[in-house]
Amino acid sequence: MESGSATNFRHYLGLFGLIPFEHPVWKEGKNFLNKEKIRFVKKPTLIIHAEYDSLVPLEEAKVLFANSGAENKKLIIIPRADHNSLMRWGKEKYFKGLADFVANYATQ
């Protein structure tokens, strides 16, 4: 997962009035939020996120990682990167992390 949102862009959808903050869909237990859905994923999970992501804050990745149901999971944070500059600041770390993950779990 790259630059994923744990809360399904709740902040932005609320700001634009598309789904109000108080709407029931945002409540825990509705299985709408990605942080809830990822609890059911048991396959090895790789999350890659930019340290300074201004669109989807790094905290979202940390929440996804903490809620992941996978026994084998890894969070790679690309230092200095923003949402659209992962390759600029972390191309080597990104692809090494991806290659290592695939090498370790390709048969699972």
PDB file of N, CA and C in Angstrom:
ATOM      1  N   MET A   1       0.852  -1.149   0.000  1.00  0.00           N
ATOM      2  CA  MET A   1       0.000   0.000   0.000  1.00  0.00           C
ATOM      3  C   MET A   1       0.912   1.230   0.000  1.00  0.00           C
ATOM      4  N   GLU A   2       0.631   2.152  -0.863  1.00  0.00           N
ATOM      5  CA  GLU A   2       1.429   3.383  -0.947  1.00  0.00           C
ATOM      6  C   GLU A   2       0.556   4.588  -0.628  1.00  0.00           C
ATOM      7  N   SER A   3       0.997   5.368   0.333  1.00  0.00           N
ATOM      8  CA  SER A   3       0.345   6.631   0.702  1.00  0.00           C
ATOM      9  C   SER A   3      -1.143   6.463   1.004  1.00  0.00           C
ATOM     10  N   GLY A   4      -1.490   5.375   1.679  1.00  0.00           N
ATOM     11  CA  GLY A   4      -2.883   5.076   1.956  1.00  0.00           C
ATOM     12  C   GLY A   4      -3.458   5.850   3.130  1.00  0.00           C
ATOM     13  N   SER A   5      -4.756   6.042   3.083  1.00  0.00           N
ATOM     14  CA  SER A   5      -5.473   6.755   4.138  1.00  0.00           C
ATOM     15  C   SER A   5      -6.176   5.767   5.062  1.00  0.00           C
ATOM     16  N   ALA A   6      -5.988   5.927   6.352  1.00  0.00           N
ATOM     17  CA  ALA A   6      -6.655   5.072   7.340  1.00  0.00           C
ATOM     18  C   ALA A   6      -8.095   5.501   7.555  1.00  0.00           C
ATOM     19  N   THR A   7      -8.352   6.784   7.361  1.00  0.00           N
ATOM     20  CA  THR A   7      -9.676   7.330   7.673  1.00  0.00           C
ATOM     21  C   THR A   7     -10.438   7.779   6.428  1.00  0.00           C
ATOM     22  N   ASN A   8     -10.060   7.262   5.276  1.00  0.00           N
ATOM     23  CA  ASN A   8     -10.790   7.492   4.028  1.00  0.00           C
ATOM     24  C   ASN A   8     -11.025   8.970   3.721  1.00  0.00           C
ATOM     25  N   PHE A   9     -10.025   9.777   3.969  1.00  0.00           N
ATOM     26  CA  PHE A   9     -10.091  11.206   3.657  1.00  0.00           C
ATOM     27  C   PHE A   9     -11.228  11.902   4.392  1.00  0.00           C
ATOM     28  N   ARG A  10     -11.531  11.442   5.596  1.00  0.00           N
ATOM     29  CA  ARG A  10     -12.613  12.017   6.397  1.00  0.00           C
ATOM     30  C   ARG A  10     -12.490  13.532   6.490  1.00  0.00           C
ATOM     31  N   HIS A  11     -11.293  14.007   6.762  1.00  0.00           N
ATOM     32  CA  HIS A  11     -11.078  15.441   6.925  1.00  0.00           C
ATOM     33  C   HIS A  11     -11.497  16.212   5.670  1.00  0.00           C
ATOM     34  N   TYR A  12     -11.023  15.751   4.512  1.00  0.00           N
ATOM     35  CA  TYR A  12     -11.316  16.459   3.262  1.00  0.00           C
ATOM     36  C   TYR A  12     -12.787  16.349   2.873  1.00  0.00           C
ATOM     37  N   LEU A  13     -13.348  15.169   3.020  1.00  0.00           N
ATOM     38  CA  LEU A  13     -14.764  14.986   2.666  1.00  0.00           C
ATOM     39  C   LEU A  13     -15.658  15.830   3.561  1.00  0.00           C
ATOM     40  N   GLY A  14     -15.287  15.960   4.826  1.00  0.00           N
ATOM     41  CA  GLY A  14     -16.041  16.802   5.746  1.00  0.00           C
ATOM     42  C   GLY A  14     -15.896  18.274   5.421  1.00  0.00           C
ATOM     43  N   LEU A  15     -14.678  18.695   5.098  1.00  0.00           N
ATOM     44  CA  LEU A  15     -14.438  20.100   4.767  1.00  0.00           C
ATOM     45  C   LEU A  15     -15.262  20.547   3.561  1.00  0.00           C
ATOM     46  N   PHE A  16     -15.372  19.662   2.585  1.00  0.00           N
ATOM     47  CA  PHE A  16     -16.100  20.020   1.367  1.00  0.00           C
ATOM     48  C   PHE A  16     -17.592  19.715   1.476  1.00  0.00           C
ATOM     49  N   GLY A  17     -18.032  19.257   2.636  1.00  0.00           N
ATOM     50  CA  GLY A  17     -19.444  18.997   2.871  1.00  0.00           C
ATOM     51  C   GLY A  17     -19.983  17.772   2.166  1.00  0.00           C
ATOM     52  N   LEU A  18     -19.106  16.929   1.644  1.00  0.00           N
ATOM     53  CA  LEU A  18     -19.564  15.743   0.920  1.00  0.00           C
ATOM     54  C   LEU A  18     -20.114  14.690   1.872  1.00  0.00           C
ATOM     55  N   ILE A  19     -19.397  14.433   2.956  1.00  0.00           N
ATOM     56  CA  ILE A  19     -19.894  13.563   4.019  1.00  0.00           C
ATOM     57  C   ILE A  19     -19.596  14.291   5.326  1.00  0.00           C
ATOM     58  N   PRO A  20     -20.613  14.824   5.986  1.00  0.00           N
ATOM     59  CA  PRO A  20     -20.390  15.601   7.207  1.00  0.00           C
ATOM     60  C   PRO A  20     -19.648  14.802   8.280  1.00  0.00           C
ATOM     61  N   PHE A  21     -18.887  15.501   9.111  1.00  0.00           N
ATOM     62  CA  PHE A  21     -18.100  14.862  10.163  1.00  0.00           C
ATOM     63  C   PHE A  21     -18.963  13.993  11.084  1.00  0.00           C
ATOM     64  N   GLU A  22     -20.183  14.389  11.313  1.00  0.00           N
ATOM     65  CA  GLU A  22     -21.032  13.661  12.258  1.00  0.00           C
ATOM     66  C   GLU A  22     -21.806  12.508  11.607  1.00  0.00           C
ATOM     67  N   HIS A  23     -21.615  12.262  10.329  1.00  0.00           N
ATOM     68  CA  HIS A  23     -22.322  11.187   9.628  1.00  0.00           C
ATOM     69  C   HIS A  23     -21.983   9.831  10.268  1.00  0.00           C
ATOM     70  N   PRO A  24     -22.967   8.950  10.402  1.00  0.00           N
ATOM     71  CA  PRO A  24     -22.740   7.650  11.050  1.00  0.00           C
ATOM     72  C   PRO A  24     -21.677   6.777  10.371  1.00  0.00           C
ATOM     73  N   VAL A  25     -21.426   6.984   9.102  1.00  0.00           N
ATOM     74  CA  VAL A  25     -20.455   6.152   8.394  1.00  0.00           C
ATOM     75  C   VAL A  25     -19.053   6.275   9.002  1.00  0.00           C
ATOM     76  N   TRP A  26     -18.771   7.378   9.681  1.00  0.00           N
ATOM     77  CA  TRP A  26     -17.446   7.600  10.267  1.00  0.00           C
ATOM     78  C   TRP A  26     -17.262   6.900  11.608  1.00  0.00           C
ATOM     79  N   LYS A  27     -18.317   6.347  12.155  1.00  0.00           N
ATOM     80  CA  LYS A  27     -18.216   5.702  13.466  1.00  0.00           C
ATOM     81  C   LYS A  27     -17.500   4.355  13.359  1.00  0.00           C
ATOM     82  N   GLU A  28     -16.730   4.034  14.389  1.00  0.00           N
ATOM     83  CA  GLU A  28     -16.076   2.725  14.459  1.00  0.00           C
ATOM     84  C   GLU A  28     -17.123   1.623  14.374  1.00  0.00           C
ATOM     85  N   GLY A  29     -16.748   0.530  13.757  1.00  0.00           N
ATOM     86  CA  GLY A  29     -17.637  -0.622  13.674  1.00  0.00           C
ATOM     87  C   GLY A  29     -18.500  -0.670  12.432  1.00  0.00           C
ATOM     88  N   LYS A  30     -18.419   0.347  11.583  1.00  0.00           N
ATOM     89  CA  LYS A  30     -19.212   0.364  10.347  1.00  0.00           C
ATOM     90  C   LYS A  30     -18.451  -0.296   9.194  1.00  0.00           C
ATOM     91  N   ASN A  31     -17.178  -0.611   9.421  1.00  0.00           N
ATOM     92  CA  ASN A  31     -16.304  -1.214   8.414  1.00  0.00           C
ATOM     93  C   ASN A  31     -16.198  -0.392   7.137  1.00  0.00           C
ATOM     94  N   PHE A  32     -16.321   0.930   7.289  1.00  0.00           N
ATOM     95  CA  PHE A  32     -16.137   1.837   6.164  1.00  0.00           C
ATOM     96  C   PHE A  32     -14.688   2.332   6.110  1.00  0.00           C
ATOM     97  N   LEU A  33     -14.107   2.549   7.266  1.00  0.00           N
ATOM     98  CA  LEU A  33     -12.761   3.098   7.336  1.00  0.00           C
ATOM     99  C   LEU A  33     -11.711   2.043   6.976  1.00  0.00           C
ATOM    100  N   ASN A  34     -10.696   2.471   6.246  1.00  0.00           N
ATOM    101  CA  ASN A  34      -9.632   1.550   5.861  1.00  0.00           C
ATOM    102  C   ASN A  34      -8.926   0.955   7.073  1.00  0.00           C
ATOM    103  N   LYS A  35      -8.846   1.709   8.165  1.00  0.00           N
ATOM    104  CA  LYS A  35      -8.190   1.182   9.365  1.00  0.00           C
ATOM    105  C   LYS A  35      -8.976   0.010   9.947  1.00  0.00           C
ATOM    106  N   GLU A  36     -10.255  -0.078   9.658  1.00  0.00           N
ATOM    107  CA  GLU A  36     -11.051  -1.231  10.079  1.00  0.00           C
ATOM    108  C   GLU A  36     -10.917  -2.378   9.088  1.00  0.00           C
ATOM    109  N   LYS A  37     -10.948  -2.047   7.812  1.00  0.00           N
ATOM    110  CA  LYS A  37     -10.863  -3.085   6.773  1.00  0.00           C
ATOM    111  C   LYS A  37      -9.534  -3.832   6.831  1.00  0.00           C
ATOM    112  N   ILE A  38      -8.453  -3.106   7.120  1.00  0.00           N
ATOM    113  CA  ILE A  38      -7.129  -3.732   7.099  1.00  0.00           C
ATOM    114  C   ILE A  38      -6.963  -4.756   8.227  1.00  0.00           C
ATOM    115  N   ARG A  39      -7.807  -4.695   9.220  1.00  0.00           N
ATOM    116  CA  ARG A  39      -7.758  -5.688  10.310  1.00  0.00           C
ATOM    117  C   ARG A  39      -8.065  -7.093   9.799  1.00  0.00           C
ATOM    118  N   PHE A  40      -8.799  -7.179   8.698  1.00  0.00           N
ATOM    119  CA  PHE A  40      -9.170  -8.467   8.129  1.00  0.00           C
ATOM    120  C   PHE A  40      -8.129  -9.012   7.158  1.00  0.00           C
ATOM    121  N   VAL A  41      -7.134  -8.211   6.807  1.00  0.00           N
ATOM    122  CA  VAL A  41      -6.093  -8.637   5.871  1.00  0.00           C
ATOM    123  C   VAL A  41      -5.030  -9.399   6.654  1.00  0.00           C
ATOM    124  N   LYS A  42      -4.906 -10.674   6.350  1.00  0.00           N
ATOM    125  CA  LYS A  42      -3.947 -11.522   7.068  1.00  0.00           C
ATOM    126  C   LYS A  42      -2.688 -11.804   6.249  1.00  0.00           C
ATOM    127  N   LYS A  43      -2.737 -11.488   4.977  1.00  0.00           N
ATOM    128  CA  LYS A  43      -1.576 -11.680   4.106  1.00  0.00           C
ATOM    129  C   LYS A  43      -0.479 -10.683   4.477  1.00  0.00           C
ATOM    130  N   PRO A  44       0.785 -11.018   4.191  1.00  0.00           N
ATOM    131  CA  PRO A  44       1.868 -10.056   4.448  1.00  0.00           C
ATOM    132  C   PRO A  44       1.540  -8.699   3.826  1.00  0.00           C
ATOM    133  N   THR A  45       1.844  -7.658   4.561  1.00  0.00           N
ATOM    134  CA  THR A  45       1.439  -6.307   4.174  1.00  0.00           C
ATOM    135  C   THR A  45       2.628  -5.361   4.205  1.00  0.00           C
ATOM    136  N   LEU A  46       2.778  -4.597   3.129  1.00  0.00           N
ATOM    137  CA  LEU A  46       3.816  -3.571   3.033  1.00  0.00           C
ATOM    138  C   LEU A  46       3.134  -2.225   2.863  1.00  0.00           C
ATOM    139  N   ILE A  47       3.503  -1.286   3.722  1.00  0.00           N
ATOM    140  CA  ILE A  47       2.973   0.068   3.648  1.00  0.00           C
ATOM    141  C   ILE A  47       4.151   1.007   3.422  1.00  0.00           C
ATOM    142  N   ILE A  48       4.071   1.814   2.380  1.00  0.00           N
ATOM    143  CA  ILE A  48       5.116   2.794   2.065  1.00  0.00           C
ATOM    144  C   ILE A  48       4.483   4.176   2.123  1.00  0.00           C
ATOM    145  N   HIS A  49       5.150   5.094   2.834  1.00  0.00           N
ATOM    146  CA  HIS A  49       4.566   6.422   3.016  1.00  0.00           C
ATOM    147  C   HIS A  49       5.654   7.482   3.107  1.00  0.00           C
ATOM    148  N   ALA A  50       5.345   8.675   2.654  1.00  0.00           N
ATOM    149  CA  ALA A  50       6.274   9.807   2.722  1.00  0.00           C
ATOM    150  C   ALA A  50       6.275  10.413   4.122  1.00  0.00           C
ATOM    151  N   GLU A  51       7.453  10.803   4.566  1.00  0.00           N
ATOM    152  CA  GLU A  51       7.587  11.398   5.896  1.00  0.00           C
ATOM    153  C   GLU A  51       6.771  12.679   6.039  1.00  0.00           C
ATOM    154  N   TYR A  52       6.776  13.502   5.002  1.00  0.00           N
ATOM    155  CA  TYR A  52       6.100  14.804   5.069  1.00  0.00           C
ATOM    156  C   TYR A  52       4.931  14.883   4.089  1.00  0.00           C
ATOM    157  N   ASP A  53       4.162  13.819   4.003  1.00  0.00           N
ATOM    158  CA  ASP A  53       3.021  13.788   3.082  1.00  0.00           C
ATOM    159  C   ASP A  53       1.992  14.843   3.503  1.00  0.00           C
ATOM    160  N   SER A  54       1.766  15.806   2.624  1.00  0.00           N
ATOM    161  CA  SER A  54       0.838  16.896   2.936  1.00  0.00           C
ATOM    162  C   SER A  54      -0.602  16.575   2.530  1.00  0.00           C
ATOM    163  N   LEU A  55      -0.809  15.534   1.758  1.00  0.00           N
ATOM    164  CA  LEU A  55      -2.158  15.131   1.359  1.00  0.00           C
ATOM    165  C   LEU A  55      -2.716  14.068   2.315  1.00  0.00           C
ATOM    166  N   VAL A  56      -1.911  13.048   2.579  1.00  0.00           N
ATOM    167  CA  VAL A  56      -2.280  11.978   3.505  1.00  0.00           C
ATOM    168  C   VAL A  56      -1.182  11.926   4.568  1.00  0.00           C
ATOM    169  N   PRO A  57      -1.404  12.532   5.715  1.00  0.00           N
ATOM    170  CA  PRO A  57      -0.348  12.612   6.730  1.00  0.00           C
ATOM    171  C   PRO A  57       0.230  11.247   7.126  1.00  0.00           C
ATOM    172  N   LEU A  58       1.486  11.250   7.504  1.00  0.00           N
ATOM    173  CA  LEU A  58       2.181  10.029   7.913  1.00  0.00           C
ATOM    174  C   LEU A  58       1.426   9.293   9.017  1.00  0.00           C
ATOM    175  N   GLU A  59       0.760  10.015   9.872  1.00  0.00           N
ATOM    176  CA  GLU A  59      -0.008   9.382  10.953  1.00  0.00           C
ATOM    177  C   GLU A  59      -1.016   8.369  10.414  1.00  0.00           C
ATOM    178  N   GLU A  60      -1.558   8.632   9.219  1.00  0.00           N
ATOM    179  CA  GLU A  60      -2.506   7.694   8.603  1.00  0.00           C
ATOM    180  C   GLU A  60      -1.833   6.340   8.345  1.00  0.00           C
ATOM    181  N   ALA A  61      -0.600   6.369   7.865  1.00  0.00           N
ATOM    182  CA  ALA A  61       0.138   5.126   7.617  1.00  0.00           C
ATOM    183  C   ALA A  61       0.408   4.390   8.919  1.00  0.00           C
ATOM    184  N   LYS A  62       0.743   5.139   9.945  1.00  0.00           N
ATOM    185  CA  LYS A  62       1.007   4.526  11.248  1.00  0.00           C
ATOM    186  C   LYS A  62      -0.255   3.875  11.820  1.00  0.00           C
ATOM    187  N   VAL A  63      -1.388   4.499  11.597  1.00  0.00           N
ATOM    188  CA  VAL A  63      -2.663   3.932  12.053  1.00  0.00           C
ATOM    189  C   VAL A  63      -2.974   2.656  11.260  1.00  0.00           C
ATOM    190  N   LEU A  64      -2.766   2.684   9.949  1.00  0.00           N
ATOM    191  CA  LEU A  64      -2.975   1.480   9.138  1.00  0.00           C
ATOM    192  C   LEU A  64      -2.067   0.350   9.609  1.00  0.00           C
ATOM    193  N   PHE A  65      -0.808   0.661   9.827  1.00  0.00           N
ATOM    194  CA  PHE A  65       0.158  -0.343  10.273  1.00  0.00           C
ATOM    195  C   PHE A  65      -0.267  -0.934  11.618  1.00  0.00           C
ATOM    196  N   ALA A  66      -0.650  -0.083  12.553  1.00  0.00           N
ATOM    197  CA  ALA A  66      -1.055  -0.547  13.880  1.00  0.00           C
ATOM    198  C   ALA A  66      -2.310  -1.416  13.819  1.00  0.00           C
ATOM    199  N   ASN A  67      -3.185  -1.140  12.868  1.00  0.00           N
ATOM    200  CA  ASN A  67      -4.437  -1.881  12.748  1.00  0.00           C
ATOM    201  C   ASN A  67      -4.360  -3.086  11.823  1.00  0.00           C
ATOM    202  N   SER A  68      -3.247  -3.243  11.133  1.00  0.00           N
ATOM    203  CA  SER A  68      -3.103  -4.348  10.195  1.00  0.00           C
ATOM    204  C   SER A  68      -3.262  -5.689  10.906  1.00  0.00           C
ATOM    205  N   GLY A  69      -4.026  -6.571  10.288  1.00  0.00           N
ATOM    206  CA  GLY A  69      -4.218  -7.906  10.839  1.00  0.00           C
ATOM    207  C   GLY A  69      -3.129  -8.877  10.436  1.00  0.00           C
ATOM    208  N   ALA A  70      -2.178  -8.418   9.647  1.00  0.00           N
ATOM    209  CA  ALA A  70      -1.110  -9.284   9.164  1.00  0.00           C
ATOM    210  C   ALA A  70      -0.080  -9.549  10.258  1.00  0.00           C
ATOM    211  N   GLU A  71       0.358 -10.775  10.329  1.00  0.00           N
ATOM    212  CA  GLU A  71       1.444 -11.119  11.246  1.00  0.00           C
ATOM    213  C   GLU A  71       2.759 -10.564  10.706  1.00  0.00           C
ATOM    214  N   ASN A  72       2.934 -10.665   9.396  1.00  0.00           N
ATOM    215  CA  ASN A  72       4.129 -10.153   8.727  1.00  0.00           C
ATOM    216  C   ASN A  72       3.775  -8.842   8.044  1.00  0.00           C
ATOM    217  N   LYS A  73       4.254  -7.768   8.614  1.00  0.00           N
ATOM    218  CA  LYS A  73       3.946  -6.452   8.069  1.00  0.00           C
ATOM    219  C   LYS A  73       5.160  -5.554   8.223  1.00  0.00           C
ATOM    220  N   LYS A  74       5.255  -4.571   7.314  1.00  0.00           N
ATOM    221  CA  LYS A  74       6.378  -3.649   7.344  1.00  0.00           C
ATOM    222  C   LYS A  74       5.896  -2.279   6.918  1.00  0.00           C
ATOM    223  N   LEU A  75       6.407  -1.264   7.602  1.00  0.00           N
ATOM    224  CA  LEU A  75       6.136   0.129   7.259  1.00  0.00           C
ATOM    225  C   LEU A  75       7.452   0.761   6.829  1.00  0.00           C
ATOM    226  N   ILE A  76       7.480   1.277   5.616  1.00  0.00           N
ATOM    227  CA  ILE A  76       8.656   1.989   5.110  1.00  0.00           C
ATOM    228  C   ILE A  76       8.288   3.458   4.994  1.00  0.00           C
ATOM    229  N   ILE A  77       9.052   4.286   5.681  1.00  0.00           N
ATOM    230  CA  ILE A  77       8.847   5.729   5.633  1.00  0.00           C
ATOM    231  C   ILE A  77       9.970   6.334   4.803  1.00  0.00           C
ATOM    232  N   ILE A  78       9.602   7.080   3.787  1.00  0.00           N
ATOM    233  CA  ILE A  78      10.587   7.712   2.912  1.00  0.00           C
ATOM    234  C   ILE A  78      10.906   9.100   3.477  1.00  0.00           C
ATOM    235  N   PRO A  79      12.114   9.267   4.032  1.00  0.00           N
ATOM    236  CA  PRO A  79      12.490  10.554   4.635  1.00  0.00           C
ATOM    237  C   PRO A  79      12.474  11.697   3.620  1.00  0.00           C
ATOM    238  N   ARG A  80      12.092  12.866   4.085  1.00  0.00           N
ATOM    239  CA  ARG A  80      12.068  14.123   3.334  1.00  0.00           C
ATOM    240  C   ARG A  80      11.021  14.170   2.226  1.00  0.00           C
ATOM    241  N   ALA A  81      10.375  13.071   1.931  1.00  0.00           N
ATOM    242  CA  ALA A  81       9.442  13.030   0.800  1.00  0.00           C
ATOM    243  C   ALA A  81       8.069  13.583   1.170  1.00  0.00           C
ATOM    244  N   ASP A  82       7.378  14.099   0.143  1.00  0.00           N
ATOM    245  CA  ASP A  82       5.981  14.514   0.233  1.00  0.00           C
ATOM    246  C   ASP A  82       5.174  13.503  -0.591  1.00  0.00           C
ATOM    247  N   HIS A  83       3.884  13.710  -0.694  1.00  0.00           N
ATOM    248  CA  HIS A  83       2.994  12.752  -1.349  1.00  0.00           C
ATOM    249  C   HIS A  83       3.451  12.380  -2.767  1.00  0.00           C
ATOM    250  N   ASN A  84       3.907  13.349  -3.529  1.00  0.00           N
ATOM    251  CA  ASN A  84       4.279  13.087  -4.921  1.00  0.00           C
ATOM    252  C   ASN A  84       5.782  13.087  -5.171  1.00  0.00           C
ATOM    253  N   SER A  85       6.585  12.989  -4.109  1.00  0.00           N
ATOM    254  CA  SER A  85       8.030  13.008  -4.321  1.00  0.00           C
ATOM    255  C   SER A  85       8.732  11.783  -3.727  1.00  0.00           C
ATOM    256  N   LEU A  86       8.011  10.687  -3.622  1.00  0.00           N
ATOM    257  CA  LEU A  86       8.612   9.462  -3.094  1.00  0.00           C
ATOM    258  C   LEU A  86       9.823   9.023  -3.915  1.00  0.00           C
ATOM    259  N   MET A  87       9.718   9.088  -5.219  1.00  0.00           N
ATOM    260  CA  MET A  87      10.825   8.650  -6.078  1.00  0.00           C
ATOM    261  C   MET A  87      12.007   9.617  -6.022  1.00  0.00           C
ATOM    262  N   ARG A  88      11.711  10.875  -5.884  1.00  0.00           N
ATOM    263  CA  ARG A  88      12.793  11.865  -5.829  1.00  0.00           C
ATOM    264  C   ARG A  88      13.665  11.655  -4.599  1.00  0.00           C
ATOM    265  N   TRP A  89      13.047  11.424  -3.453  1.00  0.00           N
ATOM    266  CA  TRP A  89      13.791  11.340  -2.203  1.00  0.00           C
ATOM    267  C   TRP A  89      14.099   9.917  -1.755  1.00  0.00           C
ATOM    268  N   GLY A  90      13.391   8.955  -2.277  1.00  0.00           N
ATOM    269  CA  GLY A  90      13.586   7.610  -1.735  1.00  0.00           C
ATOM    270  C   GLY A  90      13.519   6.483  -2.725  1.00  0.00           C
ATOM    271  N   LYS A  91      13.892   6.743  -3.959  1.00  0.00           N
ATOM    272  CA  LYS A  91      13.797   5.717  -4.999  1.00  0.00           C
ATOM    273  C   LYS A  91      14.480   4.414  -4.588  1.00  0.00           C
ATOM    274  N   GLU A  92      15.702   4.494  -4.078  1.00  0.00           N
ATOM    275  CA  GLU A  92      16.450   3.292  -3.706  1.00  0.00           C
ATOM    276  C   GLU A  92      15.774   2.564  -2.540  1.00  0.00           C
ATOM    277  N   LYS A  93      15.393   3.319  -1.505  1.00  0.00           N
ATOM    278  CA  LYS A  93      14.750   2.714  -0.338  1.00  0.00           C
ATOM    279  C   LYS A  93      13.411   2.096  -0.729  1.00  0.00           C
ATOM    280  N   TYR A  94      12.670   2.786  -1.568  1.00  0.00           N
ATOM    281  CA  TYR A  94      11.364   2.319  -2.031  1.00  0.00           C
ATOM    282  C   TYR A  94      11.503   0.972  -2.745  1.00  0.00           C
ATOM    283  N   PHE A  95      12.371   0.923  -3.766  1.00  0.00           N
ATOM    284  CA  PHE A  95      12.476  -0.293  -4.567  1.00  0.00           C
ATOM    285  C   PHE A  95      13.193  -1.420  -3.838  1.00  0.00           C
ATOM    286  N   LYS A  96      14.116  -1.100  -2.966  1.00  0.00           N
ATOM    287  CA  LYS A  96      14.753  -2.149  -2.161  1.00  0.00           C
ATOM    288  C   LYS A  96      13.739  -2.753  -1.206  1.00  0.00           C
ATOM    289  N   GLY A  97      12.943  -1.906  -0.566  1.00  0.00           N
ATOM    290  CA  GLY A  97      11.906  -2.400   0.339  1.00  0.00           C
ATOM    291  C   GLY A  97      10.892  -3.263  -0.387  1.00  0.00           C
ATOM    292  N   LEU A  98      10.504  -2.833  -1.569  1.00  0.00           N
ATOM    293  CA  LEU A  98       9.557  -3.596  -2.382  1.00  0.00           C
ATOM    294  C   LEU A  98      10.160  -4.936  -2.810  1.00  0.00           C
ATOM    295  N   ALA A  99      11.408  -4.913  -3.280  1.00  0.00           N
ATOM    296  CA  ALA A  99      12.080  -6.149  -3.716  1.00  0.00           C
ATOM    297  C   ALA A  99      12.250  -7.122  -2.548  1.00  0.00           C
ATOM    298  N   ASP A 100      12.656  -6.609  -1.390  1.00  0.00           N
ATOM    299  CA  ASP A 100      12.814  -7.473  -0.214  1.00  0.00           C
ATOM    300  C   ASP A 100      11.487  -8.094   0.194  1.00  0.00           C
ATOM    301  N   PHE A 101      10.439  -7.297   0.165  1.00  0.00           N
ATOM    302  CA  PHE A 101       9.115  -7.777   0.533  1.00  0.00           C
ATOM    303  C   PHE A 101       8.665  -8.895  -0.414  1.00  0.00           C
ATOM    304  N   VAL A 102       8.809  -8.667  -1.700  1.00  0.00           N
ATOM    305  CA  VAL A 102       8.408  -9.678  -2.688  1.00  0.00           C
ATOM    306  C   VAL A 102       9.257 -10.942  -2.524  1.00  0.00           C
ATOM    307  N   ALA A 103      10.564 -10.775  -2.315  1.00  0.00           N
ATOM    308  CA  ALA A 103      11.447 -11.930  -2.146  1.00  0.00           C
ATOM    309  C   ALA A 103      11.053 -12.744  -0.917  1.00  0.00           C
ATOM    310  N   ASN A 104      10.632 -12.089   0.136  1.00  0.00           N
ATOM    311  CA  ASN A 104      10.281 -12.778   1.376  1.00  0.00           C
ATOM    312  C   ASN A 104       8.912 -13.444   1.335  1.00  0.00           C
ATOM    313  N   TYR A 105       7.969 -12.849   0.607  1.00  0.00           N
ATOM    314  CA  TYR A 105       6.583 -13.310   0.719  1.00  0.00           C
ATOM    315  C   TYR A 105       5.912 -13.687  -0.606  1.00  0.00           C
ATOM    316  N   ALA A 106       6.655 -13.817  -1.667  1.00  0.00           N
ATOM    317  CA  ALA A 106       6.056 -14.088  -2.985  1.00  0.00           C
ATOM    318  C   ALA A 106       5.282 -15.395  -3.023  1.00  0.00           C
ATOM    319  N   THR A 107       5.607 -16.351  -2.194  1.00  0.00           N
ATOM    320  CA  THR A 107       4.927 -17.638  -2.245  1.00  0.00           C
ATOM    321  C   THR A 107       3.787 -17.754  -1.239  1.00  0.00           C
ATOM    322  N   GLN A 108       3.556 -16.726  -0.448  1.00  0.00           N
ATOM    323  CA  GLN A 108       2.481 -16.812   0.564  1.00  0.00           C
ATOM    324  C   GLN A 108       1.165 -16.286   0.043  1.00  0.00           C
TER     325      GLN A 108
END
